[in-house]
Structure formats: structure tokens, C-alpha cells
Amino acid sequence: MANKKKQSGDIETLMRAVVVFRDARNWKQFHNPKDSAISLVLEAAEVMEHFQWKNKPEMREHVRKHKQDIADELSDVLYWVLLIAHDLAIDIPKSFKRKLKENKRKYPVAKSKGKHHKYTAYTS
């Protein structure tokens, strides 16, 4: 299901768009870290609803029929990620690269390829 099309927009551009949208509506007053994090989790749950109780063939068919709806929910999740990162002054690209580097260390290819265990299973 991976799509090789070029992704549109960069993180900074998307973050600015989210903040402009929020600030134009004077919603910052409602966006403390706790409530923003709750909103993030609620939107992530809406992504999960698309797959709940479906087997693999049902999921493939659902994605085919509802891909835009799933994309909308993923966009809602990204909205909150970007807004929280902005409000807490977190450099998402830098943080993401650091975390990916950490995960590469925790999940070395030679030990974890094709396996689904927690990283503690790969420590010697």
C-alpha cells in the first residue's frame, strides 16, 4: 500500500499552516498540552476505527473504498502533532531523526529483520 508519489509540503510549511489556521480562530486559548494531547489520541482512535474488527481482505477493501476518509483522519493526527510540536518548541525533523537513529540501535537489522519482538529481546 506504500505510495511512491512525491509528498507535498515540508514540516515547517505544514506547521505554519496549522498555526495560522488555529490562530485565525483564536483557539490557542484552548490548546494547552494536556488537551492537545487528548485531541491527538482521539484522532488516532478515529484512524483505528477504520480497521477494527476487519480481517486482511476486509481491510484491503475498506482502504480501497475509504482511502480519503483514512487520509483525513491521518491529517487530523498530523495537525495535532504539528501543533503540539510548535507550542512546545520541539524541532520535529531533528527529533524524528534522533529517534530513528535510536531505533536503529535498538533494532539492529541482523537481529530484528522479520521479527516483531520488543527491543529488549535483541540486547545481549
N, C-alpha and C. Protein backbone atom coordinates (compact mmCIF):
# COMPACT_ATOMS: atom_id res chain seq x y z
N MET A 1 0.81 -1.21 0.00
CA MET A 1 0.00 0.00 0.00
C MET A 1 0.85 1.26 0.00
N ALA A 2 2.15 1.09 0.06
CA ALA A 2 3.01 2.27 0.07
C ALA A 2 2.88 3.03 -1.24
N ASN A 3 2.85 4.33 -1.13
CA ASN A 3 2.71 5.17 -2.30
C ASN A 3 4.03 5.88 -2.53
N LYS A 4 4.56 5.77 -3.74
CA LYS A 4 5.87 6.33 -4.05
C LYS A 4 5.77 7.75 -4.60
N LYS A 5 4.57 8.32 -4.67
CA LYS A 5 4.42 9.69 -5.16
C LYS A 5 5.16 10.66 -4.26
N LYS A 6 5.62 11.75 -4.83
CA LYS A 6 6.30 12.80 -4.06
C LYS A 6 5.32 13.38 -3.03
N GLN A 7 5.80 13.53 -1.82
CA GLN A 7 4.99 14.10 -0.75
C GLN A 7 4.93 15.61 -0.93
N SER A 8 3.79 16.20 -0.63
CA SER A 8 3.64 17.65 -0.79
C SER A 8 3.85 18.36 0.54
N GLY A 9 4.59 19.47 0.49
CA GLY A 9 4.81 20.29 1.68
C GLY A 9 5.93 19.75 2.55
N ASP A 10 6.51 20.65 3.31
CA ASP A 10 7.50 20.22 4.28
C ASP A 10 6.95 20.51 5.67
N ILE A 11 7.63 20.02 6.66
CA ILE A 11 7.15 20.13 8.04
C ILE A 11 6.94 21.58 8.45
N GLU A 12 7.90 22.45 8.16
CA GLU A 12 7.77 23.85 8.57
C GLU A 12 6.57 24.52 7.90
N THR A 13 6.36 24.24 6.62
CA THR A 13 5.22 24.82 5.91
C THR A 13 3.91 24.32 6.50
N LEU A 14 3.85 23.03 6.77
CA LEU A 14 2.63 22.46 7.36
C LEU A 14 2.39 23.03 8.75
N MET A 15 3.46 23.16 9.54
CA MET A 15 3.32 23.69 10.89
C MET A 15 2.80 25.13 10.85
N ARG A 16 3.36 25.94 9.96
CA ARG A 16 2.88 27.32 9.83
C ARG A 16 1.40 27.35 9.46
N ALA A 17 0.99 26.49 8.55
CA ALA A 17 -0.41 26.44 8.12
C ALA A 17 -1.33 26.08 9.29
N VAL A 18 -0.90 25.14 10.12
CA VAL A 18 -1.69 24.73 11.29
C VAL A 18 -1.82 25.89 12.27
N VAL A 19 -0.73 26.57 12.53
CA VAL A 19 -0.75 27.69 13.49
C VAL A 19 -1.59 28.84 12.96
N VAL A 20 -1.47 29.15 11.68
CA VAL A 20 -2.29 30.21 11.08
C VAL A 20 -3.77 29.85 11.19
N PHE A 21 -4.10 28.61 10.89
CA PHE A 21 -5.49 28.15 10.99
C PHE A 21 -6.00 28.31 12.42
N ARG A 22 -5.21 27.83 13.39
CA ARG A 22 -5.60 27.90 14.79
C ARG A 22 -5.73 29.34 15.28
N ASP A 23 -4.72 30.14 14.98
CA ASP A 23 -4.69 31.50 15.50
C ASP A 23 -5.77 32.39 14.87
N ALA A 24 -6.13 32.14 13.62
CA ALA A 24 -7.19 32.92 12.98
C ALA A 24 -8.52 32.73 13.70
N ARG A 25 -8.65 31.62 14.39
CA ARG A 25 -9.90 31.31 15.11
C ARG A 25 -9.81 31.59 16.60
N ASN A 26 -8.67 32.11 17.04
CA ASN A 26 -8.44 32.41 18.46
C ASN A 26 -8.64 31.17 19.33
N TRP A 27 -8.13 30.04 18.85
CA TRP A 27 -8.27 28.79 19.58
C TRP A 27 -7.08 28.47 20.47
N LYS A 28 -6.00 29.25 20.39
CA LYS A 28 -4.83 28.93 21.21
C LYS A 28 -5.19 28.88 22.69
N GLN A 29 -6.16 29.69 23.10
CA GLN A 29 -6.58 29.71 24.50
C GLN A 29 -7.06 28.34 24.98
N PHE A 30 -7.46 27.47 24.06
CA PHE A 30 -7.97 26.14 24.43
C PHE A 30 -6.92 25.05 24.29
N HIS A 31 -5.75 25.41 23.76
CA HIS A 31 -4.77 24.40 23.38
C HIS A 31 -3.60 24.29 24.35
N ASN A 32 -3.90 23.84 25.56
CA ASN A 32 -2.83 23.53 26.50
C ASN A 32 -2.30 22.13 26.14
N PRO A 33 -1.11 21.78 26.60
CA PRO A 33 -0.54 20.48 26.21
C PRO A 33 -1.43 19.28 26.53
N LYS A 34 -2.08 19.29 27.67
CA LYS A 34 -2.94 18.16 28.04
C LYS A 34 -4.09 17.99 27.06
N ASP A 35 -4.82 19.06 26.79
CA ASP A 35 -5.97 18.94 25.91
C ASP A 35 -5.56 18.68 24.46
N SER A 36 -4.43 19.23 24.06
CA SER A 36 -3.94 18.94 22.71
C SER A 36 -3.54 17.47 22.59
N ALA A 37 -2.89 16.93 23.63
CA ALA A 37 -2.51 15.52 23.61
C ALA A 37 -3.75 14.62 23.60
N ILE A 38 -4.76 15.00 24.35
CA ILE A 38 -6.02 14.23 24.33
C ILE A 38 -6.62 14.25 22.92
N SER A 39 -6.61 15.40 22.29
CA SER A 39 -7.14 15.51 20.93
C SER A 39 -6.34 14.64 19.97
N LEU A 40 -5.04 14.59 20.14
CA LEU A 40 -4.20 13.74 19.30
C LEU A 40 -4.61 12.27 19.44
N VAL A 41 -4.79 11.83 20.67
CA VAL A 41 -5.17 10.44 20.91
C VAL A 41 -6.56 10.14 20.34
N LEU A 42 -7.49 11.06 20.51
CA LEU A 42 -8.83 10.87 19.97
C LEU A 42 -8.81 10.74 18.46
N GLU A 43 -8.00 11.57 17.80
CA GLU A 43 -7.91 11.48 16.34
C GLU A 43 -7.24 10.17 15.92
N ALA A 44 -6.23 9.73 16.67
CA ALA A 44 -5.59 8.45 16.36
C ALA A 44 -6.58 7.30 16.51
N ALA A 45 -7.47 7.40 17.49
CA ALA A 45 -8.50 6.38 17.67
C ALA A 45 -9.44 6.35 16.46
N GLU A 46 -9.68 7.49 15.85
CA GLU A 46 -10.53 7.52 14.66
C GLU A 46 -9.84 6.83 13.48
N VAL A 47 -8.53 6.87 13.44
CA VAL A 47 -7.80 6.10 12.43
C VAL A 47 -8.01 4.61 12.70
N MET A 48 -7.87 4.21 13.94
CA MET A 48 -8.01 2.79 14.29
C MET A 48 -9.39 2.25 13.98
N GLU A 49 -10.41 3.08 14.11
CA GLU A 49 -11.78 2.63 13.84
C GLU A 49 -11.93 2.07 12.43
N HIS A 50 -11.15 2.56 11.50
CA HIS A 50 -11.24 2.08 10.12
C HIS A 50 -10.83 0.62 9.99
N PHE A 51 -10.07 0.11 10.94
CA PHE A 51 -9.52 -1.24 10.83
C PHE A 51 -10.05 -2.21 11.87
N GLN A 52 -10.77 -1.69 12.86
CA GLN A 52 -11.28 -2.52 13.95
C GLN A 52 -12.19 -3.61 13.41
N TRP A 53 -11.98 -4.83 13.86
CA TRP A 53 -12.80 -6.00 13.58
C TRP A 53 -12.73 -6.46 12.12
N LYS A 54 -11.79 -5.99 11.35
CA LYS A 54 -11.69 -6.39 9.95
C LYS A 54 -10.50 -7.34 9.77
N ASN A 55 -10.71 -8.37 8.95
CA ASN A 55 -9.59 -9.25 8.61
C ASN A 55 -8.84 -8.62 7.43
N LYS A 56 -7.77 -9.25 6.97
CA LYS A 56 -6.94 -8.65 5.92
C LYS A 56 -7.72 -8.33 4.65
N PRO A 57 -8.51 -9.25 4.12
CA PRO A 57 -9.26 -8.91 2.90
C PRO A 57 -10.26 -7.77 3.13
N GLU A 58 -10.90 -7.76 4.27
CA GLU A 58 -11.85 -6.68 4.58
C GLU A 58 -11.13 -5.34 4.70
N MET A 59 -9.94 -5.35 5.29
CA MET A 59 -9.17 -4.11 5.42
C MET A 59 -8.76 -3.59 4.04
N ARG A 60 -8.29 -4.48 3.17
CA ARG A 60 -7.91 -4.05 1.81
C ARG A 60 -9.08 -3.39 1.10
N GLU A 61 -10.24 -4.00 1.21
CA GLU A 61 -11.44 -3.45 0.55
C GLU A 61 -11.85 -2.13 1.19
N HIS A 62 -11.77 -2.07 2.49
CA HIS A 62 -12.13 -0.83 3.20
C HIS A 62 -11.20 0.30 2.79
N VAL A 63 -9.91 0.03 2.73
CA VAL A 63 -8.95 1.05 2.32
C VAL A 63 -9.25 1.50 0.89
N ARG A 64 -9.55 0.56 0.02
CA ARG A 64 -9.87 0.91 -1.36
C ARG A 64 -11.07 1.85 -1.43
N LYS A 65 -12.07 1.58 -0.63
CA LYS A 65 -13.31 2.38 -0.66
C LYS A 65 -13.23 3.65 0.18
N HIS A 66 -12.39 3.67 1.19
CA HIS A 66 -12.38 4.78 2.16
C HIS A 66 -11.01 5.43 2.33
N LYS A 67 -10.18 5.36 1.32
CA LYS A 67 -8.82 5.88 1.44
C LYS A 67 -8.81 7.37 1.81
N GLN A 68 -9.71 8.17 1.21
CA GLN A 68 -9.75 9.60 1.53
C GLN A 68 -10.16 9.84 2.99
N ASP A 69 -11.10 9.04 3.48
CA ASP A 69 -11.51 9.17 4.88
C ASP A 69 -10.34 8.86 5.82
N ILE A 70 -9.58 7.81 5.48
CA ILE A 70 -8.41 7.46 6.30
C ILE A 70 -7.37 8.57 6.21
N ALA A 71 -7.17 9.10 5.01
CA ALA A 71 -6.22 10.21 4.84
C ALA A 71 -6.64 11.42 5.67
N ASP A 72 -7.93 11.69 5.71
CA ASP A 72 -8.43 12.81 6.52
C ASP A 72 -8.13 12.60 8.00
N GLU A 73 -8.31 11.38 8.48
CA GLU A 73 -8.04 11.09 9.89
C GLU A 73 -6.55 11.19 10.18
N LEU A 74 -5.72 10.68 9.27
CA LEU A 74 -4.27 10.82 9.46
C LEU A 74 -3.86 12.28 9.45
N SER A 75 -4.52 13.08 8.63
CA SER A 75 -4.23 14.52 8.61
C SER A 75 -4.62 15.17 9.92
N ASP A 76 -5.72 14.72 10.51
CA ASP A 76 -6.11 15.25 11.83
C ASP A 76 -5.06 14.91 12.88
N VAL A 77 -4.51 13.69 12.82
CA VAL A 77 -3.44 13.30 13.75
C VAL A 77 -2.23 14.20 13.54
N LEU A 78 -1.85 14.39 12.28
CA LEU A 78 -0.69 15.23 11.98
C LEU A 78 -0.92 16.66 12.44
N TYR A 79 -2.13 17.17 12.30
CA TYR A 79 -2.47 18.52 12.78
C TYR A 79 -2.05 18.67 14.24
N TRP A 80 -2.46 17.70 15.07
CA TRP A 80 -2.17 17.80 16.49
C TRP A 80 -0.69 17.59 16.79
N VAL A 81 -0.03 16.70 16.06
CA VAL A 81 1.41 16.52 16.24
C VAL A 81 2.14 17.83 15.97
N LEU A 82 1.78 18.46 14.84
CA LEU A 82 2.44 19.71 14.46
C LEU A 82 2.14 20.83 15.45
N LEU A 83 0.90 20.90 15.90
CA LEU A 83 0.53 21.97 16.83
C LEU A 83 1.22 21.80 18.18
N ILE A 84 1.25 20.58 18.68
CA ILE A 84 1.93 20.33 19.96
C ILE A 84 3.42 20.63 19.82
N ALA A 85 4.02 20.17 18.72
CA ALA A 85 5.44 20.45 18.50
C ALA A 85 5.70 21.96 18.45
N HIS A 86 4.84 22.69 17.77
CA HIS A 86 5.00 24.14 17.70
C HIS A 86 4.90 24.76 19.08
N ASP A 87 3.83 24.41 19.79
CA ASP A 87 3.57 25.04 21.09
C ASP A 87 4.64 24.70 22.14
N LEU A 88 5.28 23.54 22.00
CA LEU A 88 6.31 23.13 22.95
C LEU A 88 7.73 23.38 22.40
N ALA A 89 7.81 24.05 21.26
CA ALA A 89 9.09 24.37 20.61
C ALA A 89 9.95 23.12 20.41
N ILE A 90 9.33 22.09 19.85
CA ILE A 90 10.04 20.85 19.54
C ILE A 90 10.33 20.84 18.04
N ASP A 91 11.58 20.62 17.71
CA ASP A 91 12.01 20.52 16.32
C ASP A 91 11.72 19.09 15.86
N ILE A 92 10.58 18.91 15.20
CA ILE A 92 10.13 17.56 14.82
C ILE A 92 11.12 16.86 13.88
N PRO A 93 11.60 17.49 12.81
CA PRO A 93 12.57 16.77 11.96
C PRO A 93 13.80 16.32 12.74
N LYS A 94 14.33 17.19 13.56
CA LYS A 94 15.52 16.85 14.37
C LYS A 94 15.20 15.72 15.35
N SER A 95 14.06 15.84 16.03
CA SER A 95 13.65 14.84 16.99
C SER A 95 13.39 13.49 16.31
N PHE A 96 12.75 13.53 15.15
CA PHE A 96 12.45 12.31 14.41
C PHE A 96 13.73 11.60 13.99
N LYS A 97 14.69 12.36 13.47
CA LYS A 97 15.96 11.77 13.05
C LYS A 97 16.71 11.15 14.23
N ARG A 98 16.68 11.85 15.38
CA ARG A 98 17.32 11.33 16.58
C ARG A 98 16.66 10.03 17.02
N LYS A 99 15.32 10.02 17.01
CA LYS A 99 14.57 8.83 17.44
C LYS A 99 14.79 7.67 16.47
N LEU A 100 14.84 7.94 15.18
CA LEU A 100 15.09 6.88 14.20
C LEU A 100 16.48 6.28 14.41
N LYS A 101 17.46 7.13 14.69
CA LYS A 101 18.82 6.66 14.98
C LYS A 101 18.81 5.75 16.21
N GLU A 102 18.08 6.17 17.25
CA GLU A 102 17.96 5.37 18.46
C GLU A 102 17.30 4.02 18.16
N ASN A 103 16.23 4.05 17.35
CA ASN A 103 15.54 2.81 17.00
C ASN A 103 16.43 1.88 16.18
N LYS A 104 17.28 2.44 15.32
CA LYS A 104 18.22 1.61 14.56
C LYS A 104 19.17 0.89 15.51
N ARG A 105 19.57 1.59 16.57
CA ARG A 105 20.45 0.97 17.56
C ARG A 105 19.69 -0.12 18.33
N LYS A 106 18.45 0.16 18.69
CA LYS A 106 17.66 -0.79 19.49
C LYS A 106 17.19 -2.00 18.67
N TYR A 107 17.03 -1.79 17.37
CA TYR A 107 16.54 -2.85 16.49
C TYR A 107 17.53 -3.08 15.35
N PRO A 108 18.68 -3.66 15.65
CA PRO A 108 19.67 -3.89 14.59
C PRO A 108 19.09 -4.87 13.55
N VAL A 109 19.35 -4.57 12.28
CA VAL A 109 18.80 -5.38 11.19
C VAL A 109 19.16 -6.85 11.37
N ALA A 110 20.40 -7.12 11.69
CA ALA A 110 20.86 -8.51 11.80
C ALA A 110 20.07 -9.32 12.83
N LYS A 111 19.57 -8.66 13.86
CA LYS A 111 18.83 -9.36 14.91
C LYS A 111 17.32 -9.25 14.77
N SER A 112 16.83 -8.16 14.17
CA SER A 112 15.38 -7.90 14.21
C SER A 112 14.66 -8.10 12.89
N LYS A 113 15.38 -8.30 11.81
CA LYS A 113 14.74 -8.40 10.49
C LYS A 113 13.72 -9.54 10.46
N GLY A 114 12.49 -9.18 10.11
CA GLY A 114 11.41 -10.16 10.00
C GLY A 114 10.83 -10.59 11.34
N LYS A 115 11.23 -9.94 12.40
CA LYS A 115 10.74 -10.31 13.74
C LYS A 115 9.96 -9.13 14.34
N HIS A 116 9.12 -9.42 15.28
CA HIS A 116 8.25 -8.39 15.87
C HIS A 116 8.46 -8.19 17.37
N HIS A 117 9.55 -8.67 17.89
CA HIS A 117 9.79 -8.59 19.33
C HIS A 117 10.13 -7.18 19.77
N LYS A 118 9.91 -6.92 21.06
CA LYS A 118 10.34 -5.66 21.66
C LYS A 118 11.86 -5.62 21.65
N TYR A 119 12.40 -4.41 21.62
CA TYR A 119 13.85 -4.21 21.50
C TYR A 119 14.64 -4.94 22.59
N THR A 120 14.04 -5.16 23.74
CA THR A 120 14.77 -5.82 24.83
C THR A 120 15.14 -7.26 24.45
N ALA A 121 14.46 -7.84 23.50
CA ALA A 121 14.79 -9.20 23.06
C ALA A 121 16.08 -9.23 22.26
N TYR A 122 16.55 -8.07 21.79
CA TYR A 122 17.74 -8.02 20.95
C TYR A 122 18.98 -7.54 21.69
N THR A 123 18.85 -7.26 22.97
CA THR A 123 20.02 -6.83 23.74
C THR A 123 20.79 -8.06 24.20
N SER A 124 22.07 -7.93 24.18
CA SER A 124 22.91 -9.09 24.57
C SER A 124 23.29 -9.02 26.02
